[in-house]
Amino acid sequence: AATLRDMPKGALEERLEEEGRFYTFVKPQLRKAL
């Protein structure tokens, strides 16, 4: 999670837009990272 926060902001935001089942599951982690 700490490493995810260091990734490019645009890449994290793109994953929030994904609709697949996996991305739905990980959206809370993405929001925390942002």
PDB file of all heavy atoms in Angstrom:
ATOM      1  N   ALA A   1       0.834  -1.205   0.000  1.00  0.00           N
ATOM      2  CA  ALA A   1       0.000   0.000   0.000  1.00  0.00           C
ATOM      3  C   ALA A   1       0.865   1.250   0.000  1.00  0.00           C
ATOM      4  O   ALA A   1       0.582   2.215  -0.719  1.00  0.00           O
ATOM      5  CB  ALA A   1      -0.937  -0.014   1.205  1.00  0.00           C
ATOM      6  N   ALA A   2       1.920   1.259   0.799  1.00  0.00           N
ATOM      7  CA  ALA A   2       2.828   2.405   0.843  1.00  0.00           C
ATOM      8  C   ALA A   2       3.499   2.606  -0.519  1.00  0.00           C
ATOM      9  O   ALA A   2       3.664   3.737  -0.980  1.00  0.00           O
ATOM     10  CB  ALA A   2       3.874   2.209   1.932  1.00  0.00           C
ATOM     11  N   THR A   3       3.872   1.529  -1.155  1.00  0.00           N
ATOM     12  CA  THR A   3       4.504   1.612  -2.479  1.00  0.00           C
ATOM     13  C   THR A   3       3.502   2.095  -3.518  1.00  0.00           C
ATOM     14  O   THR A   3       3.853   2.877  -4.406  1.00  0.00           O
ATOM     15  CB  THR A   3       5.094   0.249  -2.870  1.00  0.00           C
ATOM     16  OG1 THR A   3       5.995  -0.164  -1.837  1.00  0.00           O
ATOM     17  CG2 THR A   3       5.839   0.316  -4.188  1.00  0.00           C
ATOM     18  N   LEU A   4       2.265   1.661  -3.397  1.00  0.00           N
ATOM     19  CA  LEU A   4       1.219   2.091  -4.330  1.00  0.00           C
ATOM     20  C   LEU A   4       1.059   3.613  -4.294  1.00  0.00           C
ATOM     21  O   LEU A   4       0.857   4.238  -5.335  1.00  0.00           O
ATOM     22  CB  LEU A   4      -0.098   1.394  -3.980  1.00  0.00           C
ATOM     23  CG  LEU A   4      -1.246   1.539  -4.956  1.00  0.00           C
ATOM     24  CD1 LEU A   4      -0.885   0.917  -6.305  1.00  0.00           C
ATOM     25  CD2 LEU A   4      -2.501   0.886  -4.398  1.00  0.00           C
ATOM     26  N   ARG A   5       1.184   4.212  -3.126  1.00  0.00           N
ATOM     27  CA  ARG A   5       1.069   5.677  -3.004  1.00  0.00           C
ATOM     28  C   ARG A   5       2.153   6.402  -3.797  1.00  0.00           C
ATOM     29  O   ARG A   5       1.969   7.549  -4.177  1.00  0.00           O
ATOM     30  CB  ARG A   5       1.125   6.102  -1.543  1.00  0.00           C
ATOM     31  CG  ARG A   5      -0.137   5.837  -0.777  1.00  0.00           C
ATOM     32  CD  ARG A   5      -0.130   6.524   0.571  1.00  0.00           C
ATOM     33  NE  ARG A   5       0.906   6.047   1.461  1.00  0.00           N
ATOM     34  CZ  ARG A   5       0.770   5.025   2.310  1.00  0.00           C
ATOM     35  NH1 ARG A   5      -0.366   4.369   2.369  1.00  0.00           N
ATOM     36  NH2 ARG A   5       1.769   4.667   3.083  1.00  0.00           N
ATOM     37  N   ASP A   6       3.279   5.722  -4.043  1.00  0.00           N
ATOM     38  CA  ASP A   6       4.380   6.345  -4.779  1.00  0.00           C
ATOM     39  C   ASP A   6       4.219   6.259  -6.303  1.00  0.00           C
ATOM     40  O   ASP A   6       5.015   6.843  -7.037  1.00  0.00           O
ATOM     41  CB  ASP A   6       5.711   5.681  -4.408  1.00  0.00           C
ATOM     42  CG  ASP A   6       6.104   5.929  -2.966  1.00  0.00           C
ATOM     43  OD1 ASP A   6       5.630   6.908  -2.376  1.00  0.00           O
ATOM     44  OD2 ASP A   6       6.886   5.120  -2.429  1.00  0.00           O
ATOM     45  N   MET A   7       3.217   5.543  -6.766  1.00  0.00           N
ATOM     46  CA  MET A   7       3.035   5.369  -8.203  1.00  0.00           C
ATOM     47  C   MET A   7       2.422   6.621  -8.823  1.00  0.00           C
ATOM     48  O   MET A   7       1.826   7.444  -8.135  1.00  0.00           O
ATOM     49  CB  MET A   7       2.141   4.150  -8.470  1.00  0.00           C
ATOM     50  CG  MET A   7       2.757   2.821  -8.041  1.00  0.00           C
ATOM     51  SD  MET A   7       4.333   2.442  -8.848  1.00  0.00           S
ATOM     52  CE  MET A   7       5.480   2.632  -7.473  1.00  0.00           C
ATOM     53  N   PRO A   8       2.547   6.779 -10.141  1.00  0.00           N
ATOM     54  CA  PRO A   8       2.013   7.974 -10.803  1.00  0.00           C
ATOM     55  C   PRO A   8       0.516   8.151 -10.548  1.00  0.00           C
ATOM     56  O   PRO A   8      -0.266   7.207 -10.660  1.00  0.00           O
ATOM     57  CB  PRO A   8       2.287   7.711 -12.285  1.00  0.00           C
ATOM     58  CG  PRO A   8       3.410   6.726 -12.300  1.00  0.00           C
ATOM     59  CD  PRO A   8       3.226   5.884 -11.075  1.00  0.00           C
ATOM     60  N   LYS A   9       0.163   9.362 -10.189  1.00  0.00           N
ATOM     61  CA  LYS A   9      -1.225   9.681  -9.844  1.00  0.00           C
ATOM     62  C   LYS A   9      -2.178   9.336 -10.989  1.00  0.00           C
ATOM     63  O   LYS A   9      -3.258   8.779 -10.769  1.00  0.00           O
ATOM     64  CB  LYS A   9      -1.333  11.164  -9.488  1.00  0.00           C
ATOM     65  CG  LYS A   9      -2.704  11.590  -9.058  1.00  0.00           C
ATOM     66  CD  LYS A   9      -2.723  13.059  -8.687  1.00  0.00           C
ATOM     67  CE  LYS A   9      -4.109  13.484  -8.276  1.00  0.00           C
ATOM     68  NZ  LYS A   9      -4.161  14.911  -7.935  1.00  0.00           N
ATOM     69  N   GLY A  10      -1.790   9.652 -12.207  1.00  0.00           N
ATOM     70  CA  GLY A  10      -2.653   9.372 -13.364  1.00  0.00           C
ATOM     71  C   GLY A  10      -2.955   7.888 -13.514  1.00  0.00           C
ATOM     72  O   GLY A  10      -4.075   7.514 -13.855  1.00  0.00           O
ATOM     73  N   ALA A  11      -1.969   7.047 -13.234  1.00  0.00           N
ATOM     74  CA  ALA A  11      -2.176   5.595 -13.342  1.00  0.00           C
ATOM     75  C   ALA A  11      -3.159   5.108 -12.276  1.00  0.00           C
ATOM     76  O   ALA A  11      -3.993   4.241 -12.540  1.00  0.00           O
ATOM     77  CB  ALA A  11      -0.845   4.853 -13.213  1.00  0.00           C
ATOM     78  N   LEU A  12      -3.075   5.674 -11.082  1.00  0.00           N
ATOM     79  CA  LEU A  12      -4.013   5.303 -10.017  1.00  0.00           C
ATOM     80  C   LEU A  12      -5.422   5.755 -10.379  1.00  0.00           C
ATOM     81  O   LEU A  12      -6.391   5.012 -10.204  1.00  0.00           O
ATOM     82  CB  LEU A  12      -3.579   5.920  -8.685  1.00  0.00           C
ATOM     83  CG  LEU A  12      -2.227   5.470  -8.136  1.00  0.00           C
ATOM     84  CD1 LEU A  12      -1.853   6.284  -6.907  1.00  0.00           C
ATOM     85  CD2 LEU A  12      -2.231   3.986  -7.818  1.00  0.00           C
ATOM     86  N   GLU A  13      -5.525   6.961 -10.892  1.00  0.00           N
ATOM     87  CA  GLU A  13      -6.847   7.487 -11.279  1.00  0.00           C
ATOM     88  C   GLU A  13      -7.464   6.679 -12.417  1.00  0.00           C
ATOM     89  O   GLU A  13      -8.679   6.434 -12.420  1.00  0.00           O
ATOM     90  CB  GLU A  13      -6.733   8.962 -11.661  1.00  0.00           C
ATOM     91  CG  GLU A  13      -6.424   9.849 -10.479  1.00  0.00           C
ATOM     92  CD  GLU A  13      -6.086  11.277 -10.857  1.00  0.00           C
ATOM     93  OE1 GLU A  13      -5.670  11.536 -12.010  1.00  0.00           O
ATOM     94  OE2 GLU A  13      -6.228  12.137  -9.975  1.00  0.00           O
ATOM     95  N   GLU A  14      -6.645   6.241 -13.355  1.00  0.00           N
ATOM     96  CA  GLU A  14      -7.154   5.402 -14.461  1.00  0.00           C
ATOM     97  C   GLU A  14      -7.766   4.109 -13.932  1.00  0.00           C
ATOM     98  O   GLU A  14      -8.798   3.659 -14.422  1.00  0.00           O
ATOM     99  CB  GLU A  14      -6.028   5.049 -15.430  1.00  0.00           C
ATOM    100  CG  GLU A  14      -5.616   6.151 -16.347  1.00  0.00           C
ATOM    101  CD  GLU A  14      -4.430   5.755 -17.205  1.00  0.00           C
ATOM    102  OE1 GLU A  14      -4.106   4.543 -17.309  1.00  0.00           O
ATOM    103  OE2 GLU A  14      -3.800   6.667 -17.769  1.00  0.00           O
ATOM    104  N   ARG A  15      -7.117   3.505 -12.932  1.00  0.00           N
ATOM    105  CA  ARG A  15      -7.622   2.245 -12.383  1.00  0.00           C
ATOM    106  C   ARG A  15      -8.963   2.449 -11.675  1.00  0.00           C
ATOM    107  O   ARG A  15      -9.781   1.550 -11.619  1.00  0.00           O
ATOM    108  CB  ARG A  15      -6.634   1.606 -11.420  1.00  0.00           C
ATOM    109  CG  ARG A  15      -5.285   1.134 -11.955  1.00  0.00           C
ATOM    110  CD  ARG A  15      -5.254   0.739 -13.398  1.00  0.00           C
ATOM    111  NE  ARG A  15      -4.016   0.124 -13.803  1.00  0.00           N
ATOM    112  CZ  ARG A  15      -2.949   0.766 -14.271  1.00  0.00           C
ATOM    113  NH1 ARG A  15      -2.949   2.080 -14.362  1.00  0.00           N
ATOM    114  NH2 ARG A  15      -1.880   0.105 -14.656  1.00  0.00           N
ATOM    115  N   LEU A  16      -9.190   3.631 -11.130  1.00  0.00           N
ATOM    116  CA  LEU A  16     -10.485   3.925 -10.497  1.00  0.00           C
ATOM    117  C   LEU A  16     -11.625   3.907 -11.513  1.00  0.00           C
ATOM    118  O   LEU A  16     -12.770   3.638 -11.153  1.00  0.00           O
ATOM    119  CB  LEU A  16     -10.460   5.289  -9.800  1.00  0.00           C
ATOM    120  CG  LEU A  16      -9.819   5.332  -8.430  1.00  0.00           C
ATOM    121  CD1 LEU A  16      -9.747   6.769  -7.927  1.00  0.00           C
ATOM    122  CD2 LEU A  16     -10.582   4.466  -7.438  1.00  0.00           C
ATOM    123  N   GLU A  17     -11.305   4.180 -12.763  1.00  0.00           N
ATOM    124  CA  GLU A  17     -12.318   4.205 -13.818  1.00  0.00           C
ATOM    125  C   GLU A  17     -12.629   2.824 -14.379  1.00  0.00           C
ATOM    126  O   GLU A  17     -13.620   2.644 -15.070  1.00  0.00           O
ATOM    127  CB  GLU A  17     -11.862   5.133 -14.954  1.00  0.00           C
ATOM    128  CG  GLU A  17     -11.580   6.559 -14.520  1.00  0.00           C
ATOM    129  CD  GLU A  17     -12.801   7.231 -13.900  1.00  0.00           C
ATOM    130  OE1 GLU A  17     -13.923   7.047 -14.418  1.00  0.00           O
ATOM    131  OE2 GLU A  17     -12.625   7.923 -12.878  1.00  0.00           O
ATOM    132  N   GLU A  18     -11.778   1.852 -14.092  1.00  0.00           N
ATOM    133  CA  GLU A  18     -11.984   0.493 -14.606  1.00  0.00           C
ATOM    134  C   GLU A  18     -13.242  -0.124 -13.997  1.00  0.00           C
ATOM    135  O   GLU A  18     -13.562   0.114 -12.841  1.00  0.00           O
ATOM    136  CB  GLU A  18     -10.777  -0.387 -14.285  1.00  0.00           C
ATOM    137  CG  GLU A  18      -9.507   0.012 -14.989  1.00  0.00           C
ATOM    138  CD  GLU A  18      -9.511  -0.299 -16.468  1.00  0.00           C
ATOM    139  OE1 GLU A  18     -10.273  -1.189 -16.903  1.00  0.00           O
ATOM    140  OE2 GLU A  18      -8.764   0.356 -17.203  1.00  0.00           O
ATOM    141  N   GLU A  19     -13.931  -0.947 -14.767  1.00  0.00           N
ATOM    142  CA  GLU A  19     -15.205  -1.514 -14.330  1.00  0.00           C
ATOM    143  C   GLU A  19     -15.146  -2.999 -13.980  1.00  0.00           C
ATOM    144  O   GLU A  19     -16.118  -3.536 -13.498  1.00  0.00           O
ATOM    145  CB  GLU A  19     -16.271  -1.298 -15.416  1.00  0.00           C
ATOM    146  CG  GLU A  19     -16.592   0.157 -15.658  1.00  0.00           C
ATOM    147  CD  GLU A  19     -17.178   0.851 -14.431  1.00  0.00           C
ATOM    148  OE1 GLU A  19     -17.916   0.198 -13.656  1.00  0.00           O
ATOM    149  OE2 GLU A  19     -16.876   2.035 -14.247  1.00  0.00           O
ATOM    150  N   GLY A  20     -14.048  -3.666 -14.223  1.00  0.00           N
ATOM    151  CA  GLY A  20     -13.969  -5.108 -13.970  1.00  0.00           C
ATOM    152  C   GLY A  20     -14.166  -5.454 -12.501  1.00  0.00           C
ATOM    153  O   GLY A  20     -14.039  -4.613 -11.609  1.00  0.00           O
ATOM    154  N   ARG A  21     -14.484  -6.701 -12.234  1.00  0.00           N
ATOM    155  CA  ARG A  21     -14.750  -7.159 -10.869  1.00  0.00           C
ATOM    156  C   ARG A  21     -13.541  -6.943  -9.956  1.00  0.00           C
ATOM    157  O   ARG A  21     -13.683  -6.537  -8.818  1.00  0.00           O
ATOM    158  CB  ARG A  21     -15.154  -8.633 -10.896  1.00  0.00           C
ATOM    159  CG  ARG A  21     -15.813  -9.085  -9.632  1.00  0.00           C
ATOM    160  CD  ARG A  21     -16.535 -10.370  -9.824  1.00  0.00           C
ATOM    161  NE  ARG A  21     -15.596 -11.450 -10.054  1.00  0.00           N
ATOM    162  CZ  ARG A  21     -15.946 -12.717 -10.086  1.00  0.00           C
ATOM    163  NH1 ARG A  21     -17.200 -13.067  -9.932  1.00  0.00           N
ATOM    164  NH2 ARG A  21     -15.044 -13.651 -10.299  1.00  0.00           N
ATOM    165  N   PHE A  22     -12.358  -7.226 -10.463  1.00  0.00           N
ATOM    166  CA  PHE A  22     -11.151  -7.027  -9.665  1.00  0.00           C
ATOM    167  C   PHE A  22     -10.991  -5.563  -9.272  1.00  0.00           C
ATOM    168  O   PHE A  22     -10.728  -5.236  -8.122  1.00  0.00           O
ATOM    169  CB  PHE A  22      -9.912  -7.508 -10.426  1.00  0.00           C
ATOM    170  CG  PHE A  22      -8.624  -7.180  -9.720  1.00  0.00           C
ATOM    171  CD1 PHE A  22      -8.257  -7.868  -8.575  1.00  0.00           C
ATOM    172  CD2 PHE A  22      -7.788  -6.184 -10.188  1.00  0.00           C
ATOM    173  CE1 PHE A  22      -7.071  -7.565  -7.907  1.00  0.00           C
ATOM    174  CE2 PHE A  22      -6.609  -5.878  -9.537  1.00  0.00           C
ATOM    175  CZ  PHE A  22      -6.254  -6.575  -8.392  1.00  0.00           C
ATOM    176  N   TYR A  23     -11.154  -4.657 -10.236  1.00  0.00           N
ATOM    177  CA  TYR A  23     -10.976  -3.239  -9.950  1.00  0.00           C
ATOM    178  C   TYR A  23     -12.040  -2.717  -8.995  1.00  0.00           C
ATOM    179  O   TYR A  23     -11.774  -1.846  -8.174  1.00  0.00           O
ATOM    180  CB  TYR A  23     -10.936  -2.418 -11.238  1.00  0.00           C
ATOM    181  CG  TYR A  23      -9.670  -2.657 -12.003  1.00  0.00           C
ATOM    182  CD1 TYR A  23      -9.659  -3.431 -13.159  1.00  0.00           C
ATOM    183  CD2 TYR A  23      -8.456  -2.147 -11.549  1.00  0.00           C
ATOM    184  CE1 TYR A  23      -8.481  -3.671 -13.838  1.00  0.00           C
ATOM    185  CE2 TYR A  23      -7.273  -2.386 -12.228  1.00  0.00           C
ATOM    186  CZ  TYR A  23      -7.295  -3.146 -13.375  1.00  0.00           C
ATOM    187  OH  TYR A  23      -6.129  -3.388 -14.033  1.00  0.00           O
ATOM    188  N   THR A  24     -13.239  -3.258  -9.068  1.00  0.00           N
ATOM    189  CA  THR A  24     -14.283  -2.885  -8.110  1.00  0.00           C
ATOM    190  C   THR A  24     -13.831  -3.249  -6.703  1.00  0.00           C
ATOM    191  O   THR A  24     -14.018  -2.479  -5.756  1.00  0.00           O
ATOM    192  CB  THR A  24     -15.611  -3.585  -8.449  1.00  0.00           C
ATOM    193  OG1 THR A  24     -15.994  -3.200  -9.776  1.00  0.00           O
ATOM    194  CG2 THR A  24     -16.702  -3.211  -7.471  1.00  0.00           C
ATOM    195  N   PHE A  25     -13.197  -4.389  -6.567  1.00  0.00           N
ATOM    196  CA  PHE A  25     -12.729  -4.855  -5.262  1.00  0.00           C
ATOM    197  C   PHE A  25     -11.594  -3.999  -4.704  1.00  0.00           C
ATOM    198  O   PHE A  25     -11.513  -3.762  -3.507  1.00  0.00           O
ATOM    199  CB  PHE A  25     -12.295  -6.329  -5.373  1.00  0.00           C
ATOM    200  CG  PHE A  25     -11.851  -6.908  -4.072  1.00  0.00           C
ATOM    201  CD1 PHE A  25     -12.774  -7.321  -3.125  1.00  0.00           C
ATOM    202  CD2 PHE A  25     -10.508  -7.037  -3.787  1.00  0.00           C
ATOM    203  CE1 PHE A  25     -12.368  -7.843  -1.913  1.00  0.00           C
ATOM    204  CE2 PHE A  25     -10.080  -7.565  -2.586  1.00  0.00           C
ATOM    205  CZ  PHE A  25     -11.019  -7.974  -1.640  1.00  0.00           C
ATOM    206  N   VAL A  26     -10.699  -3.529  -5.575  1.00  0.00           N
ATOM    207  CA  VAL A  26      -9.514  -2.805  -5.097  1.00  0.00           C
ATOM    208  C   VAL A  26      -9.683  -1.280  -5.072  1.00  0.00           C
ATOM    209  O   VAL A  26      -8.759  -0.576  -4.676  1.00  0.00           O
ATOM    210  CB  VAL A  26      -8.239  -3.174  -5.905  1.00  0.00           C
ATOM    211  CG1 VAL A  26      -7.910  -4.652  -5.748  1.00  0.00           C
ATOM    212  CG2 VAL A  26      -8.367  -2.777  -7.353  1.00  0.00           C
ATOM    213  N   LYS A  27     -10.845  -0.784  -5.460  1.00  0.00           N
ATOM    214  CA  LYS A  27     -11.039   0.673  -5.462  1.00  0.00           C
ATOM    215  C   LYS A  27     -10.785   1.318  -4.105  1.00  0.00           C
ATOM    216  O   LYS A  27     -10.219   2.409  -4.047  1.00  0.00           O
ATOM    217  CB  LYS A  27     -12.421   1.031  -6.007  1.00  0.00           C
ATOM    218  CG  LYS A  27     -12.459   0.941  -7.513  1.00  0.00           C
ATOM    219  CD  LYS A  27     -13.776   1.380  -8.092  1.00  0.00           C
ATOM    220  CE  LYS A  27     -13.704   1.188  -9.610  1.00  0.00           C
ATOM    221  NZ  LYS A  27     -14.889   1.647 -10.294  1.00  0.00           N
ATOM    222  N   PRO A  28     -11.164   0.689  -2.977  1.00  0.00           N
ATOM    223  CA  PRO A  28     -10.826   1.323  -1.689  1.00  0.00           C
ATOM    224  C   PRO A  28      -9.317   1.522  -1.504  1.00  0.00           C
ATOM    225  O   PRO A  28      -8.887   2.570  -1.002  1.00  0.00           O
ATOM    226  CB  PRO A  28     -11.394   0.352  -0.647  1.00  0.00           C
ATOM    227  CG  PRO A  28     -12.497  -0.357  -1.360  1.00  0.00           C
ATOM    228  CD  PRO A  28     -12.024  -0.476  -2.789  1.00  0.00           C
ATOM    229  N   GLN A  29      -8.504   0.557  -1.924  1.00  0.00           N
ATOM    230  CA  GLN A  29      -7.051   0.703  -1.805  1.00  0.00           C
ATOM    231  C   GLN A  29      -6.543   1.822  -2.722  1.00  0.00           C
ATOM    232  O   GLN A  29      -5.636   2.569  -2.354  1.00  0.00           O
ATOM    233  CB  GLN A  29      -6.332  -0.608  -2.153  1.00  0.00           C
ATOM    234  CG  GLN A  29      -6.508  -1.675  -1.110  1.00  0.00           C
ATOM    235  CD  GLN A  29      -7.664  -2.597  -1.451  1.00  0.00           C
ATOM    236  OE1 GLN A  29      -8.601  -2.240  -2.154  1.00  0.00           O
ATOM    237  NE2 GLN A  29      -7.618  -3.818  -0.927  1.00  0.00           N
ATOM    238  N   LEU A  30      -7.127   1.937  -3.905  1.00  0.00           N
ATOM    239  CA  LEU A  30      -6.731   3.005  -4.822  1.00  0.00           C
ATOM    240  C   LEU A  30      -7.065   4.373  -4.231  1.00  0.00           C
ATOM    241  O   LEU A  30      -6.260   5.303  -4.296  1.00  0.00           O
ATOM    242  CB  LEU A  30      -7.428   2.828  -6.170  1.00  0.00           C
ATOM    243  CG  LEU A  30      -6.893   1.703  -7.047  1.00  0.00           C
ATOM    244  CD1 LEU A  30      -7.860   1.409  -8.177  1.00  0.00           C
ATOM    245  CD2 LEU A  30      -5.531   2.080  -7.595  1.00  0.00           C
ATOM    246  N   ARG A  31      -8.258   4.487  -3.661  1.00  0.00           N
ATOM    247  CA  ARG A  31      -8.654   5.768  -3.055  1.00  0.00           C
ATOM    248  C   ARG A  31      -7.724   6.133  -1.898  1.00  0.00           C
ATOM    249  O   ARG A  31      -7.333   7.292  -1.751  1.00  0.00           O
ATOM    250  CB  ARG A  31     -10.101   5.696  -2.590  1.00  0.00           C
ATOM    251  CG  ARG A  31     -11.087   5.707  -3.747  1.00  0.00           C
ATOM    252  CD  ARG A  31     -12.531   5.817  -3.272  1.00  0.00           C
ATOM    253  NE  ARG A  31     -13.414   5.685  -4.400  1.00  0.00           N
ATOM    254  CZ  ARG A  31     -14.126   4.583  -4.687  1.00  0.00           C
ATOM    255  NH1 ARG A  31     -14.065   3.526  -3.881  1.00  0.00           N
ATOM    256  NH2 ARG A  31     -14.895   4.539  -5.739  1.00  0.00           N
ATOM    257  N   LYS A  32      -7.355   5.144  -1.084  1.00  0.00           N
ATOM    258  CA  LYS A  32      -6.418   5.399   0.026  1.00  0.00           C
ATOM    259  C   LYS A  32      -5.073   5.870  -0.506  1.00  0.00           C
ATOM    260  O   LYS A  32      -4.456   6.773   0.040  1.00  0.00           O
ATOM    261  CB  LYS A  32      -6.220   4.147   0.872  1.00  0.00           C
ATOM    262  CG  LYS A  32      -7.348   3.861   1.813  1.00  0.00           C
ATOM    263  CD  LYS A  32      -7.018   2.622   2.632  1.00  0.00           C
ATOM    264  CE  LYS A  32      -8.199   2.162   3.451  1.00  0.00           C
ATOM    265  NZ  LYS A  32      -7.914   0.920   4.187  1.00  0.00           N
ATOM    266  N   ALA A  33      -4.608   5.229  -1.573  1.00  0.00           N
ATOM    267  CA  ALA A  33      -3.318   5.607  -2.152  1.00  0.00           C
ATOM    268  C   ALA A  33      -3.355   7.033  -2.676  1.00  0.00           C
ATOM    269  O   ALA A  33      -2.393   7.802  -2.497  1.00  0.00           O
ATOM    270  CB  ALA A  33      -2.932   4.646  -3.270  1.00  0.00           C
ATOM    271  N   LEU A  34      -4.451   7.424  -3.282  1.00  0.00           N
ATOM    272  CA  LEU A  34      -4.560   8.786  -3.798  1.00  0.00           C
ATOM    273  C   LEU A  34      -4.672   9.800  -2.663  1.00  0.00           C
ATOM    274  O   LEU A  34      -4.115  10.898  -2.752  1.00  0.00           O
ATOM    275  CB  LEU A  34      -5.760   8.897  -4.743  1.00  0.00           C
ATOM    276  CG  LEU A  34      -5.527   8.309  -6.126  1.00  0.00           C
ATOM    277  CD1 LEU A  34      -6.844   8.117  -6.868  1.00  0.00           C
ATOM    278  CD2 LEU A  34      -4.583   9.186  -6.919  1.00  0.00           C
TER     279      LEU A  34
END
